[in-house]
Protein backbone atom coordinates (compact mmCIF):
# COMPACT_ATOMS: atom_id res chain seq x y z
CA UNK A 1 0.00 0.00 0.00
CA UNK A 2 2.83 2.39 0.79
CA UNK A 3 4.38 1.86 -2.67
CA UNK A 4 1.18 2.84 -4.46
CA UNK A 5 0.80 5.83 -2.15
CA UNK A 6 4.37 6.87 -3.01
CA UNK A 7 3.64 6.79 -6.74
CA UNK A 8 0.37 8.68 -6.31
CA UNK A 9 2.13 11.33 -4.21
CA UNK A 10 4.78 11.76 -6.90
CA UNK A 11 2.12 12.16 -9.60
CA UNK A 12 0.28 14.70 -7.44
CA UNK A 13 3.51 16.70 -7.04
CA UNK A 14 3.92 16.71 -10.83
CA UNK A 15 0.47 18.22 -11.23
CA UNK A 16 1.24 20.78 -8.55
CA UNK A 17 4.39 21.84 -10.39
CA UNK A 18 2.30 22.43 -13.49
CA UNK A 19 3.76 19.96 -15.93
CA UNK A 20 1.56 20.45 -18.96
CA UNK A 21 3.42 18.65 -21.71
CA UNK A 22 2.44 15.00 -22.18
CA UNK A 23 6.03 13.95 -22.90
CA UNK A 24 7.30 15.49 -19.70
CA UNK A 25 4.54 13.79 -17.76
CA UNK A 26 5.20 10.38 -19.31
CA UNK A 27 8.96 10.73 -18.79
CA UNK A 28 8.48 11.62 -15.15
CA UNK A 29 6.18 8.64 -14.59
CA UNK A 30 8.70 6.32 -16.24
CA UNK A 31 11.49 7.72 -14.08
CA UNK A 32 9.43 7.20 -10.94
CA UNK A 33 8.62 3.61 -11.88
CA UNK A 34 12.23 2.85 -12.80
CA UNK A 35 13.46 4.18 -9.48
CA UNK A 36 10.94 2.06 -7.60
CA UNK A 37 12.00 -0.98 -9.65
CA UNK A 38 15.66 -0.32 -8.83
CA UNK A 39 14.84 0.02 -5.14
CA UNK A 40 13.03 -3.31 -5.24
CA UNK A 41 15.95 -5.03 -6.95
CA UNK A 42 18.40 -3.65 -4.41
CA UNK A 43 16.18 -4.68 -1.50
CA UNK A 44 16.00 -8.22 -2.87
CA UNK A 45 19.80 -8.18 -3.15
CA UNK A 46 19.74 -9.76 -6.59
CA UNK A 47 22.84 -7.86 -7.65
CA UNK A 48 25.07 -5.26 -6.13
CA UNK A 49 24.86 -1.65 -7.23
CA UNK A 50 28.18 -1.82 -9.08
CA UNK A 51 27.18 -4.98 -10.94
CA UNK A 52 23.91 -3.40 -11.97
CA UNK A 53 25.65 -0.30 -13.30
CA UNK A 54 28.13 -2.41 -15.28
CA UNK A 55 25.32 -4.47 -16.77
CA UNK A 56 23.41 -1.31 -17.72
CA UNK A 57 26.49 0.11 -19.47
CA UNK A 58 27.04 -3.12 -21.37
CA UNK A 59 23.40 -3.21 -22.40
CA UNK A 60 23.57 0.40 -23.62
CA UNK A 61 26.68 -0.38 -25.68
CA UNK A 62 25.02 -3.43 -27.22
CA UNK A 63 21.90 -1.44 -28.10
CA UNK A 64 24.04 1.22 -29.79
CA UNK A 65 25.90 -1.42 -31.80
CA UNK A 66 22.64 -3.04 -32.87
CA UNK A 67 21.20 0.27 -34.03
CA UNK A 68 24.38 1.02 -36.00
CA UNK A 69 24.27 -2.40 -37.66
CA UNK A 70 20.59 -1.99 -38.52
CA UNK A 71 21.33 1.36 -40.17
CA UNK A 72 24.17 -0.17 -42.20
CA UNK A 73 21.97 -3.05 -43.36
CA UNK A 74 19.27 -0.66 -44.55
CA UNK A 75 21.76 1.27 -46.66
CA UNK A 76 23.17 -1.83 -48.38
CA UNK A 77 19.92 -2.93 -50.03
CA UNK A 78 20.07 -2.70 -53.81
CA UNK A 79 17.49 -3.00 -56.52
CA UNK A 80 17.62 -6.01 -58.82
CA UNK A 81 18.72 -5.43 -62.41
CA UNK A 82 16.21 -6.02 -65.16
CA UNK A 83 17.17 -7.93 -68.26
PDB file of N, CA and C in Angstrom:
ATOM      1  N   UNK A   1       0.818  -1.188   0.000  1.00  0.00           N
ATOM      2  CA  UNK A   1       0.000   0.000   0.000  1.00  0.00           C
ATOM      3  C   UNK A   1       0.863   1.253   0.000  1.00  0.00           C
ATOM      4  N   UNK A   2       1.967   1.214   0.718  1.00  0.00           N
ATOM      5  CA  UNK A   2       2.833   2.394   0.789  1.00  0.00           C
ATOM      6  C   UNK A   2       3.483   2.686  -0.556  1.00  0.00           C
ATOM      7  N   UNK A   3       3.772   1.640  -1.356  1.00  0.00           N
ATOM      8  CA  UNK A   3       4.376   1.858  -2.667  1.00  0.00           C
ATOM      9  C   UNK A   3       3.408   2.581  -3.598  1.00  0.00           C
ATOM     10  N   UNK A   4       2.150   2.175  -3.597  1.00  0.00           N
ATOM     11  CA  UNK A   4       1.177   2.843  -4.463  1.00  0.00           C
ATOM     12  C   UNK A   4       0.946   4.276  -3.985  1.00  0.00           C
ATOM     13  N   UNK A   5       0.962   4.482  -2.690  1.00  0.00           N
ATOM     14  CA  UNK A   5       0.798   5.831  -2.149  1.00  0.00           C
ATOM     15  C   UNK A   5       1.975   6.707  -2.567  1.00  0.00           C
ATOM     16  N   UNK A   6       3.173   6.142  -2.587  1.00  0.00           N
ATOM     17  CA  UNK A   6       4.369   6.875  -3.010  1.00  0.00           C
ATOM     18  C   UNK A   6       4.223   7.345  -4.448  1.00  0.00           C
ATOM     19  N   UNK A   7       3.786   6.443  -5.326  1.00  0.00           N
ATOM     20  CA  UNK A   7       3.636   6.792  -6.739  1.00  0.00           C
ATOM     21  C   UNK A   7       2.553   7.850  -6.913  1.00  0.00           C
ATOM     22  N   UNK A   8       1.452   7.702  -6.210  1.00  0.00           N
ATOM     23  CA  UNK A   8       0.367   8.681  -6.312  1.00  0.00           C
ATOM     24  C   UNK A   8       0.829  10.042  -5.805  1.00  0.00           C
ATOM     25  N   UNK A   9       1.597  10.063  -4.726  1.00  0.00           N
ATOM     26  CA  UNK A   9       2.125  11.330  -4.211  1.00  0.00           C
ATOM     27  C   UNK A   9       3.048  11.996  -5.221  1.00  0.00           C
ATOM     28  N   UNK A  10       3.879  11.205  -5.883  1.00  0.00           N
ATOM     29  CA  UNK A  10       4.784  11.764  -6.896  1.00  0.00           C
ATOM     30  C   UNK A  10       3.989  12.361  -8.053  1.00  0.00           C
ATOM     31  N   UNK A  11       2.947  11.663  -8.492  1.00  0.00           N
ATOM     32  CA  UNK A  11       2.121  12.163  -9.596  1.00  0.00           C
ATOM     33  C   UNK A  11       1.418  13.447  -9.172  1.00  0.00           C
ATOM     34  N   UNK A  12       0.937  13.490  -7.943  1.00  0.00           N
ATOM     35  CA  UNK A  12       0.283  14.702  -7.441  1.00  0.00           C
ATOM     36  C   UNK A  12       1.258  15.874  -7.424  1.00  0.00           C
ATOM     37  N   UNK A  13       2.507  15.635  -7.042  1.00  0.00           N
ATOM     38  CA  UNK A  13       3.512  16.701  -7.043  1.00  0.00           C
ATOM     39  C   UNK A  13       3.766  17.213  -8.457  1.00  0.00           C
ATOM     40  N   UNK A  14       3.730  16.300  -9.443  1.00  0.00           N
ATOM     41  CA  UNK A  14       3.925  16.714 -10.831  1.00  0.00           C
ATOM     42  C   UNK A  14       2.811  17.659 -11.275  1.00  0.00           C
ATOM     43  N   UNK A  15       1.580  17.342 -10.890  1.00  0.00           N
ATOM     44  CA  UNK A  15       0.468  18.218 -11.231  1.00  0.00           C
ATOM     45  C   UNK A  15       0.583  19.563 -10.523  1.00  0.00           C
ATOM     46  N   UNK A  16       1.070  19.533  -9.295  1.00  0.00           N
ATOM     47  CA  UNK A  16       1.239  20.782  -8.549  1.00  0.00           C
ATOM     48  C   UNK A  16       2.290  21.676  -9.205  1.00  0.00           C
ATOM     49  N   UNK A  17       3.324  21.067  -9.754  1.00  0.00           N
ATOM     50  CA  UNK A  17       4.387  21.842 -10.387  1.00  0.00           C
ATOM     51  C   UNK A  17       3.942  22.391 -11.735  1.00  0.00           C
ATOM     52  N   UNK A  18       2.859  21.891 -12.250  1.00  0.00           N
ATOM     53  CA  UNK A  18       2.302  22.426 -13.486  1.00  0.00           C
ATOM     54  C   UNK A  18       2.913  21.850 -14.736  1.00  0.00           C
ATOM     55  N   UNK A  19       3.230  20.592 -14.716  1.00  0.00           N
ATOM     56  CA  UNK A  19       3.756  19.964 -15.926  1.00  0.00           C
ATOM     57  C   UNK A  19       2.584  19.774 -16.882  1.00  0.00           C
ATOM     58  N   UNK A  20       2.670  20.445 -18.013  1.00  0.00           N
ATOM     59  CA  UNK A  20       1.561  20.447 -18.957  1.00  0.00           C
ATOM     60  C   UNK A  20       1.834  19.498 -20.118  1.00  0.00           C
ATOM     61  N   UNK A  21       3.050  19.439 -20.548  1.00  0.00           N
ATOM     62  CA  UNK A  21       3.422  18.651 -21.707  1.00  0.00           C
ATOM     63  C   UNK A  21       3.269  17.162 -21.421  1.00  0.00           C
ATOM     64  N   UNK A  22       2.668  16.429 -22.342  1.00  0.00           N
ATOM     65  CA  UNK A  22       2.436  15.001 -22.177  1.00  0.00           C
ATOM     66  C   UNK A  22       3.752  14.235 -22.108  1.00  0.00           C
ATOM     67  N   UNK A  23       4.735  14.636 -22.918  1.00  0.00           N
ATOM     68  CA  UNK A  23       6.031  13.951 -22.905  1.00  0.00           C
ATOM     69  C   UNK A  23       6.714  14.082 -21.554  1.00  0.00           C
ATOM     70  N   UNK A  24       6.696  15.279 -21.018  1.00  0.00           N
ATOM     71  CA  UNK A  24       7.301  15.492 -19.702  1.00  0.00           C
ATOM     72  C   UNK A  24       6.622  14.631 -18.655  1.00  0.00           C
ATOM     73  N   UNK A  25       5.313  14.579 -18.723  1.00  0.00           N
ATOM     74  CA  UNK A  25       4.543  13.793 -17.763  1.00  0.00           C
ATOM     75  C   UNK A  25       4.873  12.308 -17.888  1.00  0.00           C
ATOM     76  N   UNK A  26       4.908  11.801 -19.116  1.00  0.00           N
ATOM     77  CA  UNK A  26       5.198  10.377 -19.308  1.00  0.00           C
ATOM     78  C   UNK A  26       6.637  10.052 -18.912  1.00  0.00           C
ATOM     79  N   UNK A  27       7.576  10.957 -19.198  1.00  0.00           N
ATOM     80  CA  UNK A  27       8.964  10.734 -18.795  1.00  0.00           C
ATOM     81  C   UNK A  27       9.106  10.698 -17.287  1.00  0.00           C
ATOM     82  N   UNK A  28       8.411  11.586 -16.606  1.00  0.00           N
ATOM     83  CA  UNK A  28       8.481  11.617 -15.148  1.00  0.00           C
ATOM     84  C   UNK A  28       7.895  10.347 -14.540  1.00  0.00           C
ATOM     85  N   UNK A  29       6.785   9.877 -15.095  1.00  0.00           N
ATOM     86  CA  UNK A  29       6.182   8.640 -14.587  1.00  0.00           C
ATOM     87  C   UNK A  29       7.125   7.468 -14.802  1.00  0.00           C
ATOM     88  N   UNK A  30       7.748   7.399 -15.979  1.00  0.00           N
ATOM     89  CA  UNK A  30       8.699   6.322 -16.241  1.00  0.00           C
ATOM     90  C   UNK A  30       9.887   6.384 -15.290  1.00  0.00           C
ATOM     91  N   UNK A  31      10.372   7.572 -15.012  1.00  0.00           N
ATOM     92  CA  UNK A  31      11.489   7.719 -14.079  1.00  0.00           C
ATOM     93  C   UNK A  31      11.105   7.273 -12.678  1.00  0.00           C
ATOM     94  N   UNK A  32       9.900   7.613 -12.259  1.00  0.00           N
ATOM     95  CA  UNK A  32       9.429   7.199 -10.936  1.00  0.00           C
ATOM     96  C   UNK A  32       9.343   5.680 -10.852  1.00  0.00           C
ATOM     97  N   UNK A  33       8.765   5.068 -11.889  1.00  0.00           N
ATOM     98  CA  UNK A  33       8.616   3.612 -11.877  1.00  0.00           C
ATOM     99  C   UNK A  33       9.964   2.902 -11.950  1.00  0.00           C
ATOM    100  N   UNK A  34      10.895   3.453 -12.720  1.00  0.00           N
ATOM    101  CA  UNK A  34      12.227   2.853 -12.797  1.00  0.00           C
ATOM    102  C   UNK A  34      12.948   2.936 -11.461  1.00  0.00           C
ATOM    103  N   UNK A  35      12.802   4.059 -10.778  1.00  0.00           N
ATOM    104  CA  UNK A  35      13.463   4.181  -9.482  1.00  0.00           C
ATOM    105  C   UNK A  35      12.872   3.209  -8.472  1.00  0.00           C
ATOM    106  N   UNK A  36      11.563   3.022  -8.499  1.00  0.00           N
ATOM    107  CA  UNK A  36      10.935   2.056  -7.595  1.00  0.00           C
ATOM    108  C   UNK A  36      11.382   0.634  -7.943  1.00  0.00           C
ATOM    109  N   UNK A  37      11.527   0.340  -9.228  1.00  0.00           N
ATOM    110  CA  UNK A  37      12.004  -0.980  -9.647  1.00  0.00           C
ATOM    111  C   UNK A  37      13.424  -1.211  -9.146  1.00  0.00           C
ATOM    112  N   UNK A  38      14.281  -0.200  -9.293  1.00  0.00           N
ATOM    113  CA  UNK A  38      15.657  -0.322  -8.828  1.00  0.00           C
ATOM    114  C   UNK A  38      15.723  -0.524  -7.318  1.00  0.00           C
ATOM    115  N   UNK A  39      14.879   0.197  -6.590  1.00  0.00           N
ATOM    116  CA  UNK A  39      14.841   0.019  -5.141  1.00  0.00           C
ATOM    117  C   UNK A  39      14.449  -1.410  -4.783  1.00  0.00           C
ATOM    118  N   UNK A  40      13.482  -1.946  -5.497  1.00  0.00           N
ATOM    119  CA  UNK A  40      13.030  -3.311  -5.237  1.00  0.00           C
ATOM    120  C   UNK A  40      14.136  -4.320  -5.519  1.00  0.00           C
ATOM    121  N   UNK A  41      14.857  -4.128  -6.604  1.00  0.00           N
ATOM    122  CA  UNK A  41      15.954  -5.033  -6.947  1.00  0.00           C
ATOM    123  C   UNK A  41      17.044  -4.976  -5.888  1.00  0.00           C
ATOM    124  N   UNK A  42      17.354  -3.776  -5.425  1.00  0.00           N
ATOM    125  CA  UNK A  42      18.398  -3.650  -4.409  1.00  0.00           C
ATOM    126  C   UNK A  42      17.960  -4.244  -3.076  1.00  0.00           C
ATOM    127  N   UNK A  43      16.679  -4.096  -2.746  1.00  0.00           N
ATOM    128  CA  UNK A  43      16.181  -4.682  -1.503  1.00  0.00           C
ATOM    129  C   UNK A  43      16.217  -6.203  -1.548  1.00  0.00           C
ATOM    130  N   UNK A  44      15.973  -6.761  -2.721  1.00  0.00           N
ATOM    131  CA  UNK A  44      15.999  -8.217  -2.866  1.00  0.00           C
ATOM    132  C   UNK A  44      17.425  -8.742  -2.936  1.00  0.00           C
ATOM    133  N   UNK A  45      18.379  -7.836  -3.077  1.00  0.00           N
ATOM    134  CA  UNK A  45      19.801  -8.175  -3.152  1.00  0.00           C
ATOM    135  C   UNK A  45      20.102  -9.162  -4.286  1.00  0.00           C
ATOM    136  N   UNK A  46      19.472  -8.925  -5.422  1.00  0.00           N
ATOM    137  CA  UNK A  46      19.738  -9.758  -6.587  1.00  0.00           C
ATOM    138  C   UNK A  46      21.139  -9.491  -7.128  1.00  0.00           C
ATOM    139  N   UNK A  47      21.496  -8.235  -7.225  1.00  0.00           N
ATOM    140  CA  UNK A  47      22.840  -7.859  -7.654  1.00  0.00           C
ATOM    141  C   UNK A  47      23.285  -6.652  -6.836  1.00  0.00           C
ATOM    142  N   UNK A  48      24.569  -6.445  -6.827  1.00  0.00           N
ATOM    143  CA  UNK A  48      25.072  -5.260  -6.134  1.00  0.00           C
ATOM    144  C   UNK A  48      24.892  -4.043  -7.038  1.00  0.00           C
ATOM    145  N   UNK A  49      25.049  -2.887  -6.479  1.00  0.00           N
ATOM    146  CA  UNK A  49      24.863  -1.648  -7.228  1.00  0.00           C
ATOM    147  C   UNK A  49      25.890  -1.532  -8.355  1.00  0.00           C
ATOM    148  N   UNK A  50      27.120  -1.903  -8.065  1.00  0.00           N
ATOM    149  CA  UNK A  50      28.177  -1.818  -9.082  1.00  0.00           C
ATOM    150  C   UNK A  50      27.900  -2.777 -10.237  1.00  0.00           C
ATOM    151  N   UNK A  51      27.479  -4.000  -9.904  1.00  0.00           N
ATOM    152  CA  UNK A  51      27.180  -4.976 -10.945  1.00  0.00           C
ATOM    153  C   UNK A  51      26.034  -4.498 -11.828  1.00  0.00           C
ATOM    154  N   UNK A  52      25.040  -3.902 -11.210  1.00  0.00           N
ATOM    155  CA  UNK A  52      23.905  -3.398 -11.967  1.00  0.00           C
ATOM    156  C   UNK A  52      24.330  -2.285 -12.907  1.00  0.00           C
ATOM    157  N   UNK A  53      25.172  -1.392 -12.451  1.00  0.00           N
ATOM    158  CA  UNK A  53      25.646  -0.297 -13.297  1.00  0.00           C
ATOM    159  C   UNK A  53      26.470  -0.828 -14.469  1.00  0.00           C
ATOM    160  N   UNK A  54      27.315  -1.820 -14.211  1.00  0.00           N
ATOM    161  CA  UNK A  54      28.134  -2.413 -15.276  1.00  0.00           C
ATOM    162  C   UNK A  54      27.244  -3.077 -16.312  1.00  0.00           C
ATOM    163  N   UNK A  55      26.238  -3.792 -15.852  1.00  0.00           N
ATOM    164  CA  UNK A  55      25.323  -4.469 -16.770  1.00  0.00           C
ATOM    165  C   UNK A  55      24.546  -3.450 -17.604  1.00  0.00           C
ATOM    166  N   UNK A  56      24.122  -2.349 -16.983  1.00  0.00           N
ATOM    167  CA  UNK A  56      23.408  -1.307 -17.719  1.00  0.00           C
ATOM    168  C   UNK A  56      24.294  -0.704 -18.803  1.00  0.00           C
ATOM    169  N   UNK A  57      25.573  -0.457 -18.489  1.00  0.00           N
ATOM    170  CA  UNK A  57      26.493   0.110 -19.475  1.00  0.00           C
ATOM    171  C   UNK A  57      26.713  -0.853 -20.631  1.00  0.00           C
ATOM    172  N   UNK A  58      26.867  -2.128 -20.308  1.00  0.00           N
ATOM    173  CA  UNK A  58      27.039  -3.124 -21.367  1.00  0.00           C
ATOM    174  C   UNK A  58      25.804  -3.202 -22.258  1.00  0.00           C
ATOM    175  N   UNK A  59      24.642  -3.164 -21.646  1.00  0.00           N
ATOM    176  CA  UNK A  59      23.404  -3.213 -22.401  1.00  0.00           C
ATOM    177  C   UNK A  59      23.265  -1.992 -23.303  1.00  0.00           C
ATOM    178  N   UNK A  60      23.609  -0.814 -22.803  1.00  0.00           N
ATOM    179  CA  UNK A  60      23.569   0.399 -23.624  1.00  0.00           C
ATOM    180  C   UNK A  60      24.515   0.287 -24.815  1.00  0.00           C
ATOM    181  N   UNK A  61      25.720  -0.221 -24.585  1.00  0.00           N
ATOM    182  CA  UNK A  61      26.684  -0.383 -25.679  1.00  0.00           C
ATOM    183  C   UNK A  61      26.158  -1.357 -26.728  1.00  0.00           C
ATOM    184  N   UNK A  62      25.567  -2.462 -26.278  1.00  0.00           N
ATOM    185  CA  UNK A  62      25.024  -3.434 -27.224  1.00  0.00           C
ATOM    186  C   UNK A  62      23.860  -2.850 -28.024  1.00  0.00           C
ATOM    187  N   UNK A  63      23.011  -2.072 -27.389  1.00  0.00           N
ATOM    188  CA  UNK A  63      21.901  -1.444 -28.097  1.00  0.00           C
ATOM    189  C   UNK A  63      22.406  -0.458 -29.145  1.00  0.00           C
ATOM    190  N   UNK A  64      23.466   0.290 -28.832  1.00  0.00           N
ATOM    191  CA  UNK A  64      24.040   1.220 -29.792  1.00  0.00           C
ATOM    192  C   UNK A  64      24.614   0.468 -30.989  1.00  0.00           C
ATOM    193  N   UNK A  65      25.320  -0.629 -30.720  1.00  0.00           N
ATOM    194  CA  UNK A  65      25.901  -1.420 -31.803  1.00  0.00           C
ATOM    195  C   UNK A  65      24.818  -2.013 -32.687  1.00  0.00           C
ATOM    196  N   UNK A  66      23.744  -2.475 -32.086  1.00  0.00           N
ATOM    197  CA  UNK A  66      22.642  -3.044 -32.865  1.00  0.00           C
ATOM    198  C   UNK A  66      22.013  -1.984 -33.751  1.00  0.00           C
ATOM    199  N   UNK A  67      21.802  -0.796 -33.218  1.00  0.00           N
ATOM    200  CA  UNK A  67      21.198   0.266 -34.027  1.00  0.00           C
ATOM    201  C   UNK A  67      22.115   0.668 -35.183  1.00  0.00           C
ATOM    202  N   UNK A  68      23.421   0.692 -34.932  1.00  0.00           N
ATOM    203  CA  UNK A  68      24.376   1.022 -36.001  1.00  0.00           C
ATOM    204  C   UNK A  68      24.344  -0.055 -37.081  1.00  0.00           C
ATOM    205  N   UNK A  69      24.328  -1.312 -36.688  1.00  0.00           N
ATOM    206  CA  UNK A  69      24.275  -2.401 -37.663  1.00  0.00           C
ATOM    207  C   UNK A  69      22.971  -2.390 -38.456  1.00  0.00           C
ATOM    208  N   UNK A  70      21.871  -2.066 -37.808  1.00  0.00           N
ATOM    209  CA  UNK A  70      20.593  -1.986 -38.521  1.00  0.00           C
ATOM    210  C   UNK A  70      20.614  -0.869 -39.551  1.00  0.00           C
ATOM    211  N   UNK A  71      21.235   0.257 -39.217  1.00  0.00           N
ATOM    212  CA  UNK A  71      21.334   1.363 -40.166  1.00  0.00           C
ATOM    213  C   UNK A  71      22.196   0.972 -41.363  1.00  0.00           C
ATOM    214  N   UNK A  72      23.290   0.253 -41.107  1.00  0.00           N
ATOM    215  CA  UNK A  72      24.168  -0.173 -42.196  1.00  0.00           C
ATOM    216  C   UNK A  72      23.458  -1.157 -43.113  1.00  0.00           C
ATOM    217  N   UNK A  73      22.682  -2.068 -42.548  1.00  0.00           N
ATOM    218  CA  UNK A  73      21.973  -3.051 -43.358  1.00  0.00           C
ATOM    219  C   UNK A  73      20.902  -2.402 -44.217  1.00  0.00           C
ATOM    220  N   UNK A  74      20.277  -1.355 -43.760  1.00  0.00           N
ATOM    221  CA  UNK A  74      19.266  -0.665 -44.554  1.00  0.00           C
ATOM    222  C   UNK A  74      19.888   0.033 -45.743  1.00  0.00           C
ATOM    223  N   UNK A  75      21.093   0.552 -45.588  1.00  0.00           N
ATOM    224  CA  UNK A  75      21.759   1.273 -46.660  1.00  0.00           C
ATOM    225  C   UNK A  75      22.271   0.337 -47.753  1.00  0.00           C
ATOM    226  N   UNK A  76      22.565  -0.915 -47.439  1.00  0.00           N
ATOM    227  CA  UNK A  76      23.173  -1.830 -48.380  1.00  0.00           C
ATOM    228  C   UNK A  76      22.182  -2.500 -49.329  1.00  0.00           C
ATOM    229  N   UNK A  77      20.888  -2.297 -49.145  1.00  0.00           N
ATOM    230  CA  UNK A  77      19.921  -2.935 -50.026  1.00  0.00           C
ATOM    231  C   UNK A  77      19.996  -2.308 -51.410  1.00  0.00           C
ATOM    232  N   UNK A  78      19.966  -3.156 -52.433  1.00  0.00           N
ATOM    233  CA  UNK A  78      20.066  -2.699 -53.806  1.00  0.00           C
ATOM    234  C   UNK A  78      18.887  -3.244 -54.606  1.00  0.00           C
ATOM    235  N   UNK A  79      18.553  -2.539 -55.651  1.00  0.00           N
ATOM    236  CA  UNK A  79      17.491  -2.998 -56.521  1.00  0.00           C
ATOM    237  C   UNK A  79      18.054  -4.037 -57.490  1.00  0.00           C
ATOM    238  N   UNK A  80      17.211  -4.971 -57.869  1.00  0.00           N
ATOM    239  CA  UNK A  80      17.620  -6.012 -58.817  1.00  0.00           C
ATOM    240  C   UNK A  80      17.660  -5.424 -60.220  1.00  0.00           C
ATOM    241  N   UNK A  81      18.605  -5.900 -61.023  1.00  0.00           N
ATOM    242  CA  UNK A  81      18.720  -5.427 -62.412  1.00  0.00           C
ATOM    243  C   UNK A  81      17.708  -6.145 -63.283  1.00  0.00           C
ATOM    244  N   UNK A  82      17.150  -5.421 -64.220  1.00  0.00           N
ATOM    245  CA  UNK A  82      16.205  -6.023 -65.160  1.00  0.00           C
ATOM    246  C   UNK A  82      16.944  -6.382 -66.446  1.00  0.00           C
ATOM    247  N   UNK A  83      16.553  -7.482 -67.019  1.00  0.00           N
ATOM    248  CA  UNK A  83      17.174  -7.926 -68.260  1.00  0.00           C
ATOM    249  C   UNK A  83      16.314  -7.640 -69.438  1.00  0.00           C
TER     250      UNK A  83
END
